[in-house]
Protein backbone atom coordinates (compact mmCIF):
# COMPACT_ATOMS: atom_id res chain seq x y z
CA UNK A 1 26.49 -14.91 -12.70
CA UNK A 2 25.17 -12.54 -10.00
CA UNK A 3 22.95 -9.45 -9.84
CA UNK A 4 23.31 -6.27 -7.73
CA UNK A 5 20.53 -6.05 -5.16
CA UNK A 6 19.46 -3.98 -2.18
CA UNK A 7 17.31 -5.46 0.57
CA UNK A 8 15.21 -2.76 2.16
CA UNK A 9 12.27 -2.52 4.49
CA UNK A 10 9.62 -0.23 3.13
CA UNK A 11 6.78 0.50 5.52
CA UNK A 12 5.60 -2.80 6.95
CA UNK A 13 7.00 -4.90 4.10
CA UNK A 14 10.47 -6.01 3.06
CA UNK A 15 11.69 -6.44 -0.48
CA UNK A 16 14.50 -6.78 -2.97
CA UNK A 17 15.20 -3.57 -4.90
CA UNK A 18 16.84 -3.77 -8.32
CA UNK A 19 17.85 -1.30 -10.99
CA UNK A 20 15.94 -2.19 -14.15
CA UNK A 21 19.24 -2.13 -16.06
CA UNK A 22 20.52 -5.04 -13.93
CA UNK A 23 17.63 -7.33 -14.87
CA UNK A 24 16.68 -9.01 -18.16
CA UNK A 25 14.51 -6.88 -20.45
CA UNK A 26 12.31 -9.83 -21.40
CA UNK A 27 9.57 -10.16 -18.72
CA UNK A 28 9.62 -13.98 -18.78
CA UNK A 29 13.40 -14.08 -18.31
CA UNK A 30 13.18 -11.43 -15.59
CA UNK A 31 10.47 -13.35 -13.73
CA UNK A 32 12.42 -16.61 -13.93
CA UNK A 33 15.43 -14.85 -12.45
CA UNK A 34 13.37 -13.32 -9.63
CA UNK A 35 11.75 -16.65 -8.77
CA UNK A 36 15.21 -18.15 -8.52
CA UNK A 37 16.79 -15.45 -6.36
CA UNK A 38 13.76 -15.23 -4.05
CA UNK A 39 13.63 -19.02 -3.67
CA UNK A 40 10.14 -19.62 -5.05
CA UNK A 41 8.17 -21.78 -5.16
CA UNK A 42 8.90 -23.07 -1.67
CA UNK A 43 6.98 -22.32 1.55
CA UNK A 44 10.22 -21.40 3.33
CA UNK A 45 12.02 -19.91 0.32
CA UNK A 46 15.00 -21.69 1.85
CA UNK A 47 17.12 -21.46 -1.30
CA UNK A 48 16.67 -17.73 -1.84
CA UNK A 49 16.43 -14.34 -0.18
CA UNK A 50 12.65 -14.34 0.31
CA UNK A 51 11.30 -14.57 3.85
CA UNK A 52 8.64 -17.23 3.33
CA UNK A 53 5.76 -14.73 3.58
CA UNK A 54 4.00 -12.50 1.00
CA UNK A 55 5.09 -9.39 2.95
CA UNK A 56 8.75 -10.37 2.54
CA UNK A 57 8.61 -11.72 -1.02
CA UNK A 58 8.32 -8.43 -2.87
CA UNK A 59 10.42 -6.80 -5.58
CA UNK A 60 10.89 -3.21 -6.73
CA UNK A 61 12.36 -2.54 -10.17
CA UNK A 62 13.52 1.07 -10.45
CA UNK A 63 14.89 3.16 -13.32
CA UNK A 64 15.18 6.77 -14.41
CA UNK A 65 11.88 7.94 -15.88
CA UNK A 66 11.31 9.49 -19.28
CA UNK A 67 8.11 11.06 -17.93
CA UNK A 68 8.78 14.78 -17.30
CA UNK A 69 6.51 14.61 -14.24
CA UNK A 70 8.61 11.87 -12.59
CA UNK A 71 12.20 11.25 -11.54
CA UNK A 72 12.03 7.46 -11.50
CA UNK A 73 9.82 4.63 -12.65
CA UNK A 74 8.86 1.95 -10.12
CA UNK A 75 7.53 -1.44 -11.12
CA UNK A 76 6.26 -3.53 -8.22
CA UNK A 77 6.36 -7.30 -8.55
CA UNK A 78 4.82 -9.72 -6.05
CA UNK A 79 6.76 -12.97 -6.10
CA UNK A 80 4.46 -15.73 -4.93
CA UNK A 81 5.97 -17.82 -2.15
CA UNK A 82 4.56 -21.25 -2.96
CA UNK A 83 3.77 -20.87 -6.67
CA UNK A 84 6.01 -20.12 -9.67
CA UNK A 85 4.24 -16.83 -10.29
CA UNK A 86 5.33 -13.20 -10.43
CA UNK A 87 2.46 -10.71 -10.45
CA UNK A 88 2.41 -7.07 -11.57
CA UNK A 89 -1.33 -6.60 -11.08
CA UNK A 90 -1.14 -3.77 -8.55
CA UNK A 91 1.42 -1.50 -6.87
CA UNK A 92 2.56 -1.72 -3.25
CA UNK A 93 2.45 1.43 -1.15
CA UNK A 94 4.72 -0.05 1.50
CA UNK A 95 7.56 -0.96 -0.86
CA UNK A 96 7.03 2.45 -2.51
CA UNK A 97 8.33 4.08 0.69
CA UNK A 98 11.72 2.50 0.04
CA UNK A 99 11.89 3.62 -3.59
CA UNK A 100 12.83 7.18 -2.59
CA UNK A 101 15.84 6.19 -0.45
CA UNK A 102 16.89 3.57 -3.02
CA UNK A 103 16.81 6.11 -5.87
CA UNK A 104 18.97 8.51 -3.88
CA UNK A 105 21.39 5.79 -2.73
CA UNK A 106 21.82 4.63 -6.34
CA UNK A 107 22.42 8.15 -7.69
CA UNK A 108 19.21 8.36 -9.71
CA UNK A 109 18.07 11.45 -7.78
CA UNK A 110 20.37 14.10 -6.23
CA UNK A 111 19.97 15.24 -2.64
CA UNK A 112 18.02 18.50 -2.44
CA UNK A 113 18.40 19.79 1.10
CA UNK A 114 17.25 18.40 4.42
CA UNK A 115 14.31 16.66 2.74
CA UNK A 116 14.57 15.34 -0.81
CA UNK A 117 11.35 14.75 -2.78
CA UNK A 118 11.52 11.83 -5.21
CA UNK A 119 8.82 11.86 -7.87
CA UNK A 120 7.82 8.30 -8.68
CA UNK A 121 5.77 6.96 -11.57
CA UNK A 122 4.14 3.69 -10.53
CA UNK A 123 4.45 1.60 -13.68
CA UNK A 124 1.75 -0.83 -12.54
CA UNK A 125 -0.93 1.85 -12.76
CA UNK A 126 0.69 4.94 -14.30
CA UNK A 127 -0.13 6.96 -11.16
CA UNK A 128 2.33 9.41 -9.64
CA UNK A 129 3.57 9.68 -6.07
CA UNK A 130 6.12 11.85 -4.28
CA UNK A 131 8.30 10.17 -1.65
CA UNK A 132 9.84 12.75 0.69
CA UNK A 133 13.07 11.42 2.20
CA UNK A 134 15.09 12.78 5.13
CA UNK A 135 18.51 13.81 3.74
CA UNK A 136 20.34 16.11 6.16
CA UNK A 137 24.08 16.40 5.63
CA UNK A 138 23.74 15.35 2.00
CA UNK A 139 22.76 11.70 2.52
CA UNK A 140 19.75 9.55 3.37
CA UNK A 141 19.12 9.32 7.11
CA UNK A 142 17.29 6.23 8.35
CA UNK A 143 17.36 6.95 12.10
CA UNK A 144 14.46 8.90 13.55
CA UNK A 145 11.53 8.88 15.93
CA UNK A 146 8.61 7.82 13.70
CA UNK A 147 7.01 4.55 14.75
CA UNK A 148 4.95 2.21 12.59
CA UNK A 149 2.70 -0.54 13.88
CA UNK A 150 4.31 -3.89 13.12
CA UNK A 151 7.85 -2.48 12.86
CA UNK A 152 10.22 -2.59 15.86
CA UNK A 153 11.61 0.70 17.13
CA UNK A 154 11.45 3.96 15.20
CA UNK A 155 13.01 5.47 12.07
CA UNK A 156 13.14 8.65 10.01
CA UNK A 157 9.77 9.90 8.82
CA UNK A 158 8.94 9.41 5.15
CA UNK A 159 5.83 10.91 3.62
CA UNK A 160 4.43 9.22 0.53
CA UNK A 161 2.12 11.65 -1.23
CA UNK A 162 -0.22 10.27 -3.86
CA UNK A 163 -1.10 12.44 -6.86
CA UNK A 164 -4.29 12.33 -8.92
CA UNK A 165 -5.78 9.43 -6.98
CA UNK A 166 -9.34 10.81 -6.82
CA UNK A 167 -11.56 8.49 -8.80
CA UNK A 168 -8.92 5.80 -9.25
CA UNK A 169 -11.59 3.24 -10.18
CA UNK A 170 -14.91 4.98 -9.62
CA UNK A 171 -15.86 8.10 -11.62
CA UNK A 172 -14.65 10.73 -9.17
CA UNK A 173 -13.77 11.23 -5.53
CA UNK A 174 -17.47 11.08 -4.61
CA UNK A 175 -18.96 8.96 -7.39
CA UNK A 176 -22.56 9.61 -6.30
CA UNK A 177 -21.94 13.34 -6.06
CA UNK A 178 -22.86 13.26 -2.37
CA UNK A 179 -20.84 13.16 0.84
CA UNK A 180 -23.52 11.09 2.56
CA UNK A 181 -25.75 8.43 1.03
CA UNK A 182 -28.57 6.21 2.26
CA UNK A 183 -27.44 2.65 1.67
CA UNK A 184 -30.61 0.63 2.26
CA UNK A 185 -31.25 2.53 5.47
CA UNK A 186 -27.58 2.73 6.52
CA UNK A 187 -25.87 6.15 6.38
CA UNK A 188 -22.71 5.72 4.30
CA UNK A 189 -19.98 7.66 2.56
CA UNK A 190 -19.01 6.24 -0.83
CA UNK A 191 -15.57 7.55 -1.76
CA UNK A 192 -12.55 6.75 -3.94
CA UNK A 193 -9.24 8.50 -3.31
CA UNK A 194 -6.99 5.71 -4.50
CA UNK A 195 -9.27 2.85 -3.43
CA UNK A 196 -13.08 2.63 -3.66
CA UNK A 197 -14.33 2.41 -0.07
CA UNK A 198 -17.74 2.42 1.58
CA UNK A 199 -17.64 3.84 5.12
CA UNK A 200 -20.36 3.04 7.64
CA UNK A 201 -20.68 3.31 11.39
CA UNK A 202 -20.11 -0.07 13.02
CA UNK A 203 -22.99 0.75 15.36
CA UNK A 204 -25.38 1.07 12.41
CA UNK A 205 -24.70 -2.59 11.63
CA UNK A 206 -25.15 -3.79 15.18
CA UNK A 207 -21.50 -4.22 16.18
CA UNK A 208 -19.06 -2.15 18.20
CA UNK A 209 -16.22 -1.94 15.68
CA UNK A 210 -13.80 -3.27 18.29
CA UNK A 211 -14.28 -6.92 17.42
CA UNK A 212 -11.32 -8.91 16.11
CA UNK A 213 -11.23 -9.85 12.42
CA UNK A 214 -12.00 -13.46 13.36
CA UNK A 215 -15.04 -12.41 15.39
CA UNK A 216 -16.38 -10.30 12.55
CA UNK A 217 -15.82 -13.05 9.98
CA UNK A 218 -17.63 -15.54 12.22
CA UNK A 219 -20.71 -13.29 12.34
CA UNK A 220 -22.57 -14.72 9.35
CA UNK A 221 -25.47 -12.28 9.74
CA UNK A 222 -23.09 -9.33 9.59
CA UNK A 223 -21.13 -10.72 6.64
CA UNK A 224 -24.29 -11.28 4.60
CA UNK A 225 -25.44 -7.76 5.35
CA UNK A 226 -22.09 -6.21 4.48
CA UNK A 227 -22.00 -8.07 1.16
CA UNK A 228 -25.56 -7.02 0.37
CA UNK A 229 -24.64 -3.40 0.97
CA UNK A 230 -21.41 -3.77 -1.00
CA UNK A 231 -23.25 -4.95 -4.10
CA UNK A 232 -25.71 -2.07 -3.78
CA UNK A 233 -22.87 0.41 -3.28
CA UNK A 234 -21.07 -0.95 -6.34
CA UNK A 235 -24.03 0.02 -8.50
CA UNK A 236 -24.31 3.44 -6.86
CA UNK A 237 -20.57 4.04 -7.40
CA UNK A 238 -20.95 3.12 -11.08
CA UNK A 239 -18.71 0.09 -10.69
CA UNK A 240 -21.29 -2.29 -12.13
CA UNK A 241 -21.88 -5.77 -10.71
CA UNK A 242 -19.20 -6.12 -8.04
CA UNK A 243 -20.25 -9.56 -6.79
CA UNK A 244 -17.09 -11.13 -8.26
CA UNK A 245 -14.68 -8.20 -7.77
CA UNK A 246 -12.64 -7.00 -4.78
CA UNK A 247 -13.86 -3.40 -4.80
CA UNK A 248 -15.36 -1.51 -3.17
CA UNK A 249 -13.87 -2.27 0.25
CA UNK A 250 -16.26 -1.95 3.19
CA UNK A 251 -15.03 -0.05 6.23
CA UNK A 252 -16.76 -0.07 9.61
CA UNK A 253 -15.77 2.92 11.74
CA UNK A 254 -16.11 3.52 15.47
CA UNK A 255 -14.70 5.85 18.13
CA UNK A 256 -10.97 5.41 18.78
CA UNK A 257 -9.67 3.44 21.73
CA UNK A 258 -6.03 4.52 21.87
CA UNK A 259 -5.94 8.23 21.18
CA UNK A 260 -6.35 8.00 17.40
CA UNK A 261 -8.80 9.80 15.12
CA UNK A 262 -11.10 6.83 14.57
CA UNK A 263 -11.06 3.04 14.61
CA UNK A 264 -11.48 0.94 11.46
CA UNK A 265 -12.44 -2.59 10.51
CA UNK A 266 -11.95 -3.17 6.78
CA UNK A 267 -13.72 -5.91 4.80
CA UNK A 268 -11.53 -6.59 1.70
CA UNK A 269 -14.23 -7.63 0.77
CA UNK A 270 -14.97 -11.04 2.35
CA UNK A 271 -12.14 -11.24 4.84
CA UNK A 272 -11.40 -8.60 7.46
CA UNK A 273 -7.99 -6.95 7.11
CA UNK A 274 -5.60 -7.37 10.04
CA UNK A 275 -4.67 -3.71 9.55
CA UNK A 276 -5.56 -1.41 6.62
CA UNK A 277 -4.13 -1.06 3.11
CA UNK A 278 -2.15 2.03 2.17
CA UNK A 279 -4.52 3.45 -0.45
CA UNK A 280 -7.55 2.41 1.59
CA UNK A 281 -6.07 4.37 4.51
CA UNK A 282 -5.65 7.43 2.29
CA UNK A 283 -9.29 7.16 1.22
CA UNK A 284 -10.56 6.72 4.79
CA UNK A 285 -8.41 9.66 5.94
CA UNK A 286 -9.87 11.79 3.17
CA UNK A 287 -13.37 10.98 4.42
CA UNK A 288 -12.28 11.84 7.97
CA UNK A 289 -11.33 15.33 6.77
CA UNK A 290 -14.56 15.80 4.82
CA UNK A 291 -17.38 17.66 6.59
CA UNK A 292 -20.64 15.74 6.44
CA UNK A 293 -19.13 12.30 5.94
CA UNK A 294 -19.84 9.47 8.37
CA UNK A 295 -16.15 9.54 9.29
CA UNK A 296 -15.65 13.29 9.71
CA UNK A 297 -13.40 14.02 12.68
CA UNK A 298 -11.89 17.43 12.04
CA UNK A 299 -9.84 19.78 9.88
CA UNK A 300 -6.81 19.05 7.73
CA UNK A 301 -3.79 17.45 9.29
CA UNK A 302 -2.55 14.05 10.39
CA UNK A 303 -5.22 11.44 11.04
CA UNK A 304 -4.38 8.33 13.04
CA UNK A 305 -6.47 5.38 11.89
CA UNK A 306 -6.61 2.63 14.48
CA UNK A 307 -6.96 -0.94 13.19
CA UNK A 308 -6.83 -4.45 14.70
CA UNK A 309 -3.04 -4.54 14.94
CA UNK A 310 -2.16 -0.92 15.67
CA UNK A 311 -2.47 2.31 13.70
CA UNK A 312 -1.72 4.02 10.40
CA UNK A 313 -1.09 7.77 10.06
CA UNK A 314 -2.25 9.69 7.00
CA UNK A 315 -1.85 13.37 6.14
CA UNK A 316 -4.83 15.00 4.43
CA UNK A 317 -5.37 18.58 3.23
CA UNK A 318 -8.51 18.81 1.10
CA UNK A 319 -7.98 22.48 0.22
CA UNK A 320 -4.49 21.77 -1.11
CA UNK A 321 -5.58 18.49 -2.68
CA UNK A 322 -2.88 16.69 -0.72
CA UNK A 323 -3.06 13.14 0.62
CA UNK A 324 -0.10 11.22 1.99
CA UNK A 325 0.77 8.22 4.12
CA UNK A 326 3.33 8.43 6.91
CA UNK A 327 5.93 5.68 6.59
CA UNK A 328 9.57 4.77 7.20
CA UNK A 329 12.21 2.66 5.47
CA UNK A 330 15.54 1.09 6.31
CA UNK A 331 18.46 -0.08 4.21
CA UNK A 332 19.23 -3.62 5.38
CA UNK A 333 21.70 -5.05 2.86
CA UNK A 334 23.36 -4.23 -0.41
CA UNK A 335 25.37 -6.68 -2.44
CA UNK A 336 24.98 -9.26 -5.19
CA UNK A 337 22.55 -12.14 -5.31
CA UNK A 338 23.33 -15.41 -7.10
CA UNK A 339 20.45 -17.17 -8.86
CA UNK A 340 20.30 -20.95 -8.73
CA UNK A 341 21.69 -22.52 -11.92
CA UNK A 342 21.87 -26.00 -13.41
CA UNK A 343 25.06 -27.70 -14.62
CA UNK A 344 24.79 -25.94 -17.97
CA UNK A 345 24.49 -22.52 -16.30
CA UNK A 346 20.79 -22.00 -17.00
CA UNK A 347 18.74 -20.29 -14.29
CA UNK A 348 16.33 -22.62 -12.51
CA UNK A 349 13.83 -22.22 -9.69
CA UNK A 350 11.65 -24.42 -7.50
């Protein structure tokens, strides 16, 4: 009548983490259960554990992996707040940060020193990631001094390293074979290290790059130009006609304002992101480490990407082929959640 659950913040999201063995095997039955326990569909999710927002209506389903390259499998499910829909279309890099601590807390992965690497296969895409978790004294430590924009206080540093992300959608890290391209007169770097992104100087498009998302979206001249360049870039990146797709993303870069490596404004593609997505940040950071790119700022290391609501830190080492996001996580609650049931005991939602 109830299901074991852990509520955990991962990065700048919050979700319900389940062992796969505690959920129905049938996807339709599993989704019905998750809709019920999260309280969807309802704008407030008042009858469930969801927070009434897409960032707090997320689910991680974790199990031991039969892939020799991974310790655990992680299926990400987005539970829609106001619709009876559970989506597995793409993974979530924020919730991924909590998968490492969850796997250790649940005994799926043993502690391996002061920092325990947890190899994760992302079931949504088949890609691999390594979540490095602070584990001094033989247990997960959540307290630390790493700050994330949008998260109060600080917590223990977690690095989420992505493996084999070059050319995730496009044919290669640099699908044109060049670090710098001429995009209808605009210097641009076309790159895909987990997310196809086109990087351009904000100045080359007649803006400062310090505008708010609302200001950029209200600039109809700019938006038309960005979309024109996006369609052209899609062809150059061998993505075909991208007029009805969400990739590539378009990133305007400018000098940093608050001590970071560079400032970003990300079109995704027709709205401007309030921050920056995890895999997009990895791709932008890769360009920042790449000599000759429009975003090049320096050698390997940690790059702080400023965005409209703060910053995101990424760790890039091109020589080692390493790209990671800096994140944190916190265990909030562990217990059992009771789905809503009718008089006959059947699970219902909405």
